[in-house]
Amino acid sequence: MKVKQIRDPNLKPLDPRVAKTKIALIGAGSASLSCAAFLGRLGYQNVDIF
């Protein structure tokens, strides 16, 4: 799929208000776990899986 595994270091850092936005993922299947992992790699800090 050619998706980078980390956030491009050349990008401007996320605004701290955006990085701390609450994100809820419903279900603990493979799609939710993958989504949470990618969001974490992008710099989001408040991802919850229900």
Protein backbone atom coordinates (compact mmCIF):
# COMPACT_ATOMS: atom_id res chain seq x y z
CA MET A 1 0.00 0.00 0.00
CA LYS A 2 3.06 2.26 0.24
CA VAL A 3 1.82 4.00 3.42
CA LYS A 4 4.65 5.55 5.39
CA GLN A 5 5.05 4.10 8.86
CA ILE A 6 5.97 7.41 10.49
CA ARG A 7 4.95 11.03 10.09
CA ASP A 8 7.11 12.86 7.57
CA PRO A 9 9.72 14.76 9.62
CA ASN A 10 9.59 17.63 7.12
CA LEU A 11 5.98 18.42 8.05
CA LYS A 12 5.15 21.15 10.52
CA PRO A 13 4.32 19.70 13.99
CA LEU A 14 0.67 19.28 14.89
CA ASP A 15 -0.94 22.10 16.82
CA PRO A 16 -1.06 20.89 20.46
CA ARG A 17 -4.80 21.60 20.59
CA VAL A 18 -5.34 19.35 17.57
CA ALA A 19 -2.99 16.64 18.83
CA LYS A 20 -4.95 16.39 22.09
CA THR A 21 -8.37 16.17 20.40
CA LYS A 22 -10.42 13.28 21.78
CA ILE A 23 -10.85 10.51 19.21
CA ALA A 24 -13.08 7.50 19.90
CA LEU A 25 -12.93 4.29 17.88
CA ILE A 26 -15.79 1.83 18.28
CA GLY A 27 -14.82 -1.84 18.32
CA ALA A 28 -11.47 -3.52 18.87
CA GLY A 29 -11.18 -5.21 15.50
CA SER A 30 -8.26 -5.06 13.16
CA ALA A 31 -9.48 -1.86 11.47
CA SER A 32 -9.80 0.07 14.75
CA LEU A 33 -6.44 -1.12 16.03
CA SER A 34 -4.77 -0.19 12.75
CA CYS A 35 -6.47 3.21 12.73
CA ALA A 36 -5.37 3.89 16.33
CA ALA A 37 -1.80 2.94 15.47
CA PHE A 38 -1.69 5.25 12.44
CA LEU A 39 -3.26 8.13 14.40
CA GLY A 40 -0.64 7.67 17.10
CA ARG A 41 2.13 7.73 14.50
CA LEU A 42 0.69 10.96 13.11
CA GLY A 43 0.97 12.57 16.55
CA TYR A 44 -2.52 12.29 18.02
CA GLN A 45 -2.34 11.65 21.76
CA ASN A 46 -5.90 11.00 22.95
CA VAL A 47 -7.19 7.97 21.02
CA ASP A 48 -9.59 5.64 22.86
CA ILE A 49 -10.87 2.28 21.66
CA PHE A 50 -14.26 1.15 22.97
